[in-house]
Amino acid sequence: MSVTADGPRPAGIQGTPGTERAGQASVETRVGAPDQTADQAPDQPRGQVHWLSWARIVAIVAVVTIHVCSHLVLEWGTTSAKQWHFGNLAESAARFSVPLFVMVSGAVLLVPRPSERRRDFYLRRAGRIAIPLVVWTCFFLVLDAWSHGREVTAYTFVQGFLWGRPYYHLYFLYVVAGLYLVTPFLRAFIVGADRRLLVAAAAVTLGLASADKMQHVAMGGGGGFNAFTYFLPFLGYYLLGYVVATTRPRRPRRTVLCWSLAAFAASVLVTHFGTWWLFARTGAQQGRVLYEYYAPPVVLATIAMAFLLRALFGDRASTPARSRRVRGLADLTFGIFLLHPIPLELLVRRDQPVFSSAYVDIAFHVGVIVALVVGCGLVTFVAHRIPVIRRLV
């Protein structure tokens, strides 16, 4: 899911024909092409970046986890304490998912390419994102209307496209489209900006998005986005992805790994216990503020996860064969992202079993997560071998 639409796929950069799939912007993860390296600064990422592929894989598991376990949190007061705390912990630990996908896309797409014309960039990215966006928007608008017994009219489609949220997960395609639109301008900024200015830009844009979300929760103003503006709050994460990918570690990988793991664990615990306290005080509807993608604990968790994965897997795989295998798995993330709500809503949610044991119910949810990731991954793997369909996933 690079934003590349890779939305899970972050936009892959000049990948090979087999890896650059429709809209995928797969973060595959070529950060820079050979003919561009002469124009790049020494600290810019080059070649295949191994940890970015792993970031896509980890992020898609987190996305599915959120969608599978969210109902447990919303059933505050009606489900058992064990089930609720499991759902809350799963949600708290997985909120980095979409921000990490955006960061991966920024790490890949924002690498300056002086030899690439703006017109060529737009044409190439439009071809990747336009078909999946149109087809899946139409599909999920019809699915949503059918599942809720509503009539499908022309207004259904007009509203769905303009609002940019035809289904609960598809807003991400509109985020990707908006980020594609401003990428050439951000590249020009990166070329002329020194390191401190780049870090400041990422911090300021992310801070503004966080302030907007927090005031929306507290005061009720703002917070409304549509197809044309969904990408704006994600600009900070987009820039931050490039910052993280081009940061030269000043500490041993083991040290970075330990500090990142500690920061991630701390942010998850703050989100978990903070949400528990908020639910007890305000209830389910007002108590989810710490789940917001721009809540300080989630921002910290996302940054920590990015550094953790980079320290754990490194910029290069140990062998070319391992790199190809991981990249192959990462290329399935866009399809998993698009497809997993279908079996989740039509098969699991419509006939959700009730278990007498909370532990059995928790095991069931874990099994659903695994089944959705593996099953949708296999479907995507097959679809990638069908010329027409592969452009959709």
Protein backbone atom coordinates (compact mmCIF):
# COMPACT_ATOMS: atom_id res chain seq x y z
CA MET A 1 0.00 0.00 0.00
CA SER A 2 2.32 2.55 -0.91
CA VAL A 3 0.68 5.59 -1.41
CA THR A 4 1.01 4.98 -4.36
CA ALA A 5 -1.92 4.31 -4.02
CA ASP A 6 -0.14 1.74 -2.76
CA GLY A 7 -2.26 2.43 -0.38
CA PRO A 8 -1.26 1.00 0.21
CA ARG A 9 1.39 1.04 -2.11
CA PRO A 10 3.28 4.13 -1.96
CA ALA A 11 4.13 5.19 -5.18
CA GLY A 12 6.76 3.21 -6.67
CA ILE A 13 9.33 5.00 -8.51
CA GLN A 14 10.17 3.95 -11.94
CA GLY A 15 9.77 0.32 -11.13
CA THR A 16 9.99 -2.50 -13.56
CA PRO A 17 6.90 -3.41 -15.60
CA GLY A 18 6.01 -6.18 -13.23
CA THR A 19 6.22 -4.05 -10.14
CA GLU A 20 4.66 -0.79 -11.18
CA ARG A 21 1.06 -1.70 -11.08
CA ALA A 22 -1.90 0.45 -11.57
CA GLY A 23 -2.08 3.04 -9.02
CA GLN A 24 0.02 1.20 -6.79
CA ALA A 25 2.53 3.52 -6.34
CA SER A 26 3.85 0.64 -4.85
CA VAL A 27 6.38 1.24 -2.56
CA GLU A 28 8.53 -1.18 -3.80
CA THR A 29 10.73 0.69 -3.48
CA ARG A 30 12.95 1.92 -5.67
CA VAL A 31 14.02 5.17 -4.24
CA GLY A 32 15.83 6.66 -7.11
CA ALA A 33 16.79 5.36 -10.49
CA PRO A 34 20.31 4.89 -11.78
CA ASP A 35 20.07 7.73 -14.23
CA GLN A 36 19.08 10.11 -11.48
CA THR A 37 21.75 9.51 -8.92
CA ALA A 38 24.12 12.03 -10.37
CA ASP A 39 21.68 14.82 -9.49
CA GLN A 40 20.90 13.60 -6.01
CA ALA A 41 22.38 14.79 -2.78
CA PRO A 42 24.63 12.36 -0.96
CA ASP A 43 22.05 11.75 1.78
CA GLN A 44 19.25 10.78 -0.56
CA PRO A 45 18.18 7.12 -0.65
CA ARG A 46 19.17 5.16 -3.70
CA GLY A 47 18.26 1.81 -5.14
CA GLN A 48 16.03 -0.79 -3.51
CA VAL A 49 15.20 0.14 0.07
CA HIS A 50 14.47 -3.04 1.97
CA TRP A 51 12.80 -1.61 5.07
CA LEU A 52 10.23 0.26 3.00
CA SER A 53 8.92 -3.02 1.63
CA TRP A 54 8.62 -4.36 5.16
CA ALA A 55 6.89 -1.15 6.21
CA ARG A 56 4.15 -1.80 3.66
CA ILE A 57 3.68 -5.36 4.90
CA VAL A 58 3.51 -4.33 8.56
CA ALA A 59 1.18 -1.43 7.76
CA ILE A 60 -1.34 -3.55 5.87
CA VAL A 61 -1.55 -6.02 8.77
CA ALA A 62 -2.21 -3.03 11.04
CA VAL A 63 -4.94 -1.72 8.69
CA VAL A 64 -6.76 -5.06 8.72
CA THR A 65 -6.35 -5.28 12.51
CA ILE A 66 -8.06 -1.93 12.97
CA HIS A 67 -11.01 -2.87 10.79
CA VAL A 68 -11.46 -6.29 12.40
CA CYS A 69 -11.20 -5.14 16.03
CA SER A 70 -12.84 -1.71 15.92
CA HIS A 71 -16.29 -3.04 16.78
CA LEU A 72 -14.99 -4.44 20.07
CA VAL A 73 -14.03 -0.96 21.20
CA LEU A 74 -17.35 0.53 20.11
CA GLU A 75 -19.22 -2.13 22.09
CA TRP A 76 -18.12 -0.47 25.32
CA GLY A 77 -20.43 -1.55 28.11
CA THR A 78 -21.90 -4.49 26.22
CA THR A 79 -18.82 -6.66 25.65
CA SER A 80 -16.65 -8.20 28.36
CA ALA A 81 -13.73 -6.29 29.85
CA LYS A 82 -11.25 -8.78 28.36
CA GLN A 83 -12.65 -8.37 24.87
CA TRP A 84 -12.78 -4.60 25.12
CA HIS A 85 -9.22 -4.30 26.38
CA PHE A 86 -8.01 -6.63 23.64
CA GLY A 87 -9.77 -4.49 21.04
CA ASN A 88 -8.43 -1.29 22.59
CA LEU A 89 -4.87 -2.63 22.71
CA ALA A 90 -5.09 -3.83 19.11
CA GLU A 91 -6.42 -0.46 17.98
CA SER A 92 -3.81 1.45 19.99
CA ALA A 93 -0.95 -0.62 18.54
CA ALA A 94 -2.16 -0.40 14.94
CA ARG A 95 -2.99 3.29 14.54
CA PHE A 96 0.34 3.95 12.79
CA SER A 97 -0.94 2.05 9.74
CA VAL A 98 -2.17 4.73 7.34
CA PRO A 99 0.41 7.36 8.42
CA LEU A 100 3.17 4.83 7.81
CA PHE A 101 1.85 4.12 4.31
CA VAL A 102 1.96 7.84 3.61
CA MET A 103 5.49 8.10 4.98
CA VAL A 104 6.61 5.26 2.74
CA SER A 105 5.14 7.04 -0.25
CA GLY A 106 6.93 10.24 0.69
CA ALA A 107 10.20 8.35 1.07
CA VAL A 108 9.82 7.06 -2.47
CA LEU A 109 8.09 9.81 -4.41
CA LEU A 110 9.76 12.89 -3.01
CA VAL A 111 13.24 11.94 -4.18
CA PRO A 112 14.11 14.77 -6.62
CA ARG A 113 14.30 13.66 -10.23
CA PRO A 114 15.53 16.59 -12.31
CA SER A 115 15.33 14.54 -15.50
CA GLU A 116 11.63 13.77 -15.04
CA ARG A 117 9.30 16.30 -16.63
CA ARG A 118 6.25 17.37 -14.65
CA ARG A 119 3.96 16.38 -17.51
CA ASP A 120 5.44 12.86 -17.59
CA PHE A 121 5.05 12.53 -13.84
CA TYR A 122 1.38 13.44 -13.94
CA LEU A 123 0.60 11.21 -16.91
CA ARG A 124 2.31 8.22 -15.33
CA ARG A 125 0.69 8.67 -11.93
CA ALA A 126 -2.73 9.44 -13.40
CA GLY A 127 -2.59 6.14 -15.23
CA ARG A 128 -1.84 4.32 -12.01
CA ILE A 129 -4.42 5.89 -9.73
CA ALA A 130 -7.31 6.88 -11.99
CA ILE A 131 -8.56 3.41 -12.94
CA PRO A 132 -8.52 1.92 -9.41
CA LEU A 133 -10.07 5.09 -7.97
CA VAL A 134 -12.97 5.16 -10.41
CA VAL A 135 -13.67 1.41 -10.48
CA TRP A 136 -13.45 0.81 -6.74
CA THR A 137 -15.38 3.95 -5.88
CA CYS A 138 -18.25 2.78 -8.07
CA PHE A 139 -18.07 -0.76 -6.74
CA PHE A 140 -18.14 0.19 -3.07
CA LEU A 141 -20.85 2.81 -3.57
CA VAL A 142 -23.08 0.10 -5.02
CA LEU A 143 -22.06 -2.40 -2.34
CA ASP A 144 -22.77 0.07 0.46
CA ALA A 145 -26.17 1.04 -0.97
CA TRP A 146 -27.13 -2.61 -1.47
CA SER A 147 -26.02 -3.70 1.99
CA HIS A 148 -28.08 -0.91 3.60
CA GLY A 149 -31.11 -1.30 1.37
CA ARG A 150 -30.73 2.08 -0.33
CA GLU A 151 -31.54 2.87 -3.92
CA VAL A 152 -28.61 3.53 -6.23
CA THR A 153 -29.09 6.79 -8.14
CA ALA A 154 -26.95 9.21 -10.10
CA TYR A 155 -26.67 11.35 -6.98
CA THR A 156 -25.15 8.36 -5.18
CA PHE A 157 -22.18 8.47 -7.52
CA VAL A 158 -21.85 12.26 -7.65
CA GLN A 159 -21.87 12.49 -3.88
CA GLY A 160 -19.53 9.52 -3.49
CA PHE A 161 -16.88 10.97 -5.79
CA LEU A 162 -17.09 14.52 -4.44
CA TRP A 163 -17.08 13.55 -0.80
CA GLY A 164 -14.10 11.28 -1.39
CA ARG A 165 -15.23 8.58 1.04
CA PRO A 166 -17.31 6.03 -0.87
CA TYR A 167 -16.47 3.42 1.76
CA TYR A 168 -14.74 3.68 5.11
CA HIS A 169 -11.30 2.81 3.74
CA LEU A 170 -11.36 4.26 0.22
CA TYR A 171 -10.63 7.86 1.24
CA PHE A 172 -7.02 6.74 1.04
CA LEU A 173 -7.16 6.68 -2.77
CA TYR A 174 -8.18 10.33 -2.71
CA VAL A 175 -5.34 11.07 -0.31
CA VAL A 176 -2.96 9.45 -2.79
CA ALA A 177 -4.36 11.41 -5.71
CA GLY A 178 -3.92 14.70 -3.85
CA LEU A 179 -0.36 13.85 -2.83
CA TYR A 180 0.47 12.99 -6.43
CA LEU A 181 -0.82 16.38 -7.46
CA VAL A 182 1.51 18.35 -5.19
CA THR A 183 4.56 16.06 -5.41
CA PRO A 184 6.39 18.02 -8.16
CA PHE A 185 6.08 21.22 -6.10
CA LEU A 186 7.30 19.49 -2.95
CA ARG A 187 10.28 18.11 -4.86
CA ALA A 188 11.21 21.63 -5.90
CA PHE A 189 10.99 22.71 -2.27
CA ILE A 190 13.20 19.79 -1.17
CA VAL A 191 15.85 20.66 -3.74
CA GLY A 192 16.11 24.22 -2.42
CA ALA A 193 15.64 23.53 1.29
CA ASP A 194 18.38 22.70 3.75
CA ARG A 195 17.91 19.89 6.23
CA ARG A 196 16.63 22.02 9.09
CA LEU A 197 14.04 23.72 6.91
CA LEU A 198 12.84 20.36 5.62
CA VAL A 199 12.45 18.96 9.13
CA ALA A 200 10.71 22.15 10.24
CA ALA A 201 8.29 21.96 7.31
CA ALA A 202 7.37 18.39 8.21
CA ALA A 203 6.93 19.31 11.88
CA VAL A 204 4.84 22.42 11.18
CA THR A 205 2.48 20.76 8.69
CA LEU A 206 2.04 17.76 10.96
CA GLY A 207 1.50 20.04 13.94
CA LEU A 208 -1.18 22.04 12.14
CA ALA A 209 -3.00 18.85 11.19
CA SER A 210 -2.82 17.67 14.79
CA ALA A 211 -4.13 21.00 16.10
CA ASP A 212 -7.02 20.91 13.63
CA LYS A 213 -8.04 17.41 14.67
CA MET A 214 -7.78 18.16 18.35
CA GLN A 215 -9.82 21.35 18.16
CA HIS A 216 -12.40 19.52 16.07
CA VAL A 217 -12.82 16.94 18.80
CA ALA A 218 -12.87 19.54 21.58
CA MET A 219 -14.92 22.29 19.93
CA GLY A 220 -16.67 20.66 16.99
CA GLY A 221 -15.37 23.10 14.38
CA GLY A 222 -13.54 22.17 11.20
CA GLY A 223 -12.40 18.63 10.57
CA GLY A 224 -14.50 18.17 7.44
CA PHE A 225 -12.69 16.95 4.34
CA ASN A 226 -13.70 15.88 0.86
CA ALA A 227 -12.18 14.49 -2.32
CA PHE A 228 -10.22 17.70 -2.88
CA THR A 229 -8.85 18.17 0.64
CA TYR A 230 -8.36 14.73 2.21
CA PHE A 231 -4.67 14.80 1.37
CA LEU A 232 -3.90 18.07 3.16
CA PRO A 233 -3.54 16.76 6.73
CA PHE A 234 -1.21 14.03 5.48
CA LEU A 235 1.37 16.41 4.01
CA GLY A 236 3.34 16.35 7.25
CA TYR A 237 3.63 12.57 7.21
CA TYR A 238 4.48 12.69 3.51
CA LEU A 239 7.42 15.02 4.11
CA LEU A 240 8.39 13.12 7.23
CA GLY A 241 8.75 9.92 5.24
CA TYR A 242 11.43 11.54 3.10
CA VAL A 243 13.13 12.92 6.21
CA VAL A 244 13.29 9.51 7.90
CA ALA A 245 14.47 7.72 4.74
CA THR A 246 17.29 10.21 4.20
CA THR A 247 18.41 10.50 7.81
CA ARG A 248 21.95 9.27 8.38
CA PRO A 249 21.94 7.21 11.58
CA ARG A 250 24.38 8.56 14.15
CA ARG A 251 23.93 5.62 16.48
CA PRO A 252 24.39 1.86 16.00
CA ARG A 253 21.37 0.07 14.58
CA ARG A 254 20.87 -1.84 17.82
CA THR A 255 20.66 1.40 19.78
CA VAL A 256 18.17 2.90 17.34
CA LEU A 257 16.16 -0.31 17.47
CA CYS A 258 15.96 -0.30 21.27
CA TRP A 259 15.01 3.37 21.54
CA SER A 260 12.42 3.06 18.76
CA LEU A 261 10.88 -0.02 20.32
CA ALA A 262 10.68 1.72 23.70
CA ALA A 263 9.09 4.83 22.16
CA PHE A 264 6.57 2.73 20.25
CA ALA A 265 5.62 0.70 23.33
CA ALA A 266 5.25 3.86 25.42
CA SER A 267 3.00 5.53 22.84
CA VAL A 268 0.82 2.42 22.60
CA LEU A 269 0.42 2.26 26.37
CA VAL A 270 -0.45 5.96 26.55
CA THR A 271 -3.09 5.49 23.84
CA HIS A 272 -4.47 2.35 25.48
CA PHE A 273 -4.79 3.66 29.03
CA GLY A 274 -5.70 7.16 27.92
CA THR A 275 -8.53 5.79 25.80
CA TRP A 276 -9.71 3.60 28.67
CA TRP A 277 -9.88 6.69 30.91
CA LEU A 278 -11.64 8.77 28.24
CA PHE A 279 -14.22 6.06 27.57
CA ALA A 280 -15.02 5.89 31.26
CA ARG A 281 -15.52 9.65 31.38
CA THR A 282 -17.10 10.47 28.01
CA GLY A 283 -18.26 7.22 26.42
CA ALA A 284 -17.47 5.53 23.13
CA GLN A 285 -18.24 8.40 20.76
CA GLN A 286 -16.11 11.07 22.43
CA GLY A 287 -13.47 8.82 23.92
CA ARG A 288 -11.58 7.90 20.76
CA VAL A 289 -9.60 11.11 20.37
CA LEU A 290 -6.28 9.33 20.97
CA TYR A 291 -7.00 7.08 17.98
CA GLU A 292 -6.77 10.05 15.64
CA TYR A 293 -3.89 9.78 13.18
CA TYR A 294 -2.61 13.14 14.39
CA ALA A 295 -2.90 12.56 18.12
CA PRO A 296 0.56 13.00 19.69
CA PRO A 297 0.87 9.34 20.79
CA VAL A 298 0.02 8.12 17.28
CA VAL A 299 2.50 10.55 15.71
CA LEU A 300 5.19 9.23 18.04
CA ALA A 301 4.21 5.62 17.36
CA THR A 302 4.40 6.16 13.59
CA ILE A 303 7.82 7.80 13.70
CA ALA A 304 9.09 5.15 16.11
CA MET A 305 7.79 2.35 13.89
CA ALA A 306 9.52 3.83 10.83
CA PHE A 307 12.89 4.05 12.61
CA LEU A 308 12.33 0.64 14.18
CA LEU A 309 11.75 -1.02 10.82
CA ARG A 310 14.71 0.75 9.26
CA ALA A 311 16.95 -0.36 12.12
CA LEU A 312 15.59 -3.91 12.04
CA PHE A 313 15.66 -4.57 8.29
CA GLY A 314 18.10 -1.99 6.99
CA ASP A 315 18.27 -0.24 3.65
CA ARG A 316 19.52 -3.35 1.86
CA ALA A 317 18.43 -6.97 2.07
CA SER A 318 21.01 -9.59 2.97
CA THR A 319 20.58 -11.26 -0.43
CA PRO A 320 18.94 -10.30 -3.75
CA ALA A 321 16.64 -13.31 -3.46
CA ARG A 322 15.33 -12.17 -0.08
CA SER A 323 14.82 -8.67 -1.45
CA ARG A 324 12.73 -10.02 -4.32
CA ARG A 325 10.60 -12.17 -2.01
CA VAL A 326 9.86 -9.34 0.38
CA ARG A 327 9.15 -6.95 -2.48
CA GLY A 328 6.80 -9.51 -3.97
CA LEU A 329 4.85 -9.70 -0.72
CA ALA A 330 4.81 -5.92 -0.42
CA ASP A 331 3.32 -5.65 -3.91
CA LEU A 332 0.24 -7.51 -2.65
CA THR A 333 -0.63 -4.87 -0.07
CA PHE A 334 -2.66 -2.65 -2.38
CA GLY A 335 -4.96 -5.52 -3.29
CA ILE A 336 -5.31 -6.60 0.33
CA PHE A 337 -6.19 -3.05 1.28
CA LEU A 338 -8.88 -2.78 -1.39
CA LEU A 339 -10.38 -6.25 -1.00
CA HIS A 340 -10.42 -7.05 2.70
CA PRO A 341 -13.59 -5.09 3.61
CA ILE A 342 -15.62 -7.26 1.21
CA PRO A 343 -15.32 -10.60 3.04
CA LEU A 344 -15.14 -8.80 6.39
CA GLU A 345 -18.50 -7.09 5.93
CA LEU A 346 -20.33 -9.74 3.89
CA LEU A 347 -19.12 -12.89 5.64
CA VAL A 348 -17.87 -12.02 9.12
CA ARG A 349 -19.95 -9.05 10.22
CA ARG A 350 -23.26 -10.34 8.86
CA ASP A 351 -22.99 -13.59 10.77
CA GLN A 352 -20.61 -12.81 13.61
CA PRO A 353 -20.46 -15.81 15.95
CA VAL A 354 -20.93 -15.35 19.68
CA PHE A 355 -18.60 -17.25 21.97
CA SER A 356 -19.10 -17.99 25.64
CA SER A 357 -15.40 -17.52 26.33
CA ALA A 358 -13.70 -14.16 25.87
CA TYR A 359 -10.45 -15.92 25.05
CA VAL A 360 -12.08 -17.89 22.25
CA ASP A 361 -13.54 -14.67 20.88
CA ILE A 362 -10.10 -13.03 20.96
CA ALA A 363 -8.61 -16.03 19.16
CA PHE A 364 -11.39 -15.75 16.57
CA HIS A 365 -10.52 -12.12 15.86
CA VAL A 366 -6.84 -12.96 15.48
CA GLY A 367 -7.81 -15.76 13.09
CA VAL A 368 -9.94 -13.37 11.04
CA ILE A 369 -7.02 -10.96 10.70
CA VAL A 370 -4.73 -13.74 9.47
CA ALA A 371 -7.38 -15.15 7.14
CA LEU A 372 -8.13 -11.77 5.57
CA VAL A 373 -4.46 -10.91 5.00
CA VAL A 374 -3.60 -14.32 3.57
CA GLY A 375 -6.82 -14.82 1.61
CA CYS A 376 -6.89 -11.37 0.02
CA GLY A 377 -3.17 -11.66 -0.61
CA LEU A 378 -3.69 -14.87 -2.56
CA VAL A 379 -6.52 -13.32 -4.57
CA THR A 380 -4.30 -10.34 -5.36
CA PHE A 381 -1.44 -12.66 -6.34
CA VAL A 382 -3.70 -14.37 -8.88
CA ALA A 383 -5.17 -11.07 -10.09
CA HIS A 384 -1.68 -9.73 -10.80
CA ARG A 385 -1.34 -12.44 -13.42
CA ILE A 386 -4.48 -11.44 -15.30
CA PRO A 387 -3.63 -8.53 -17.65
CA VAL A 388 -6.85 -6.53 -17.30
CA ILE A 389 -7.59 -7.13 -13.62
CA ARG A 390 -4.07 -6.47 -12.40
CA ARG A 391 -4.51 -2.79 -13.17
CA LEU A 392 -7.15 -2.66 -10.44
CA VAL A 393 -5.12 -4.15 -7.60
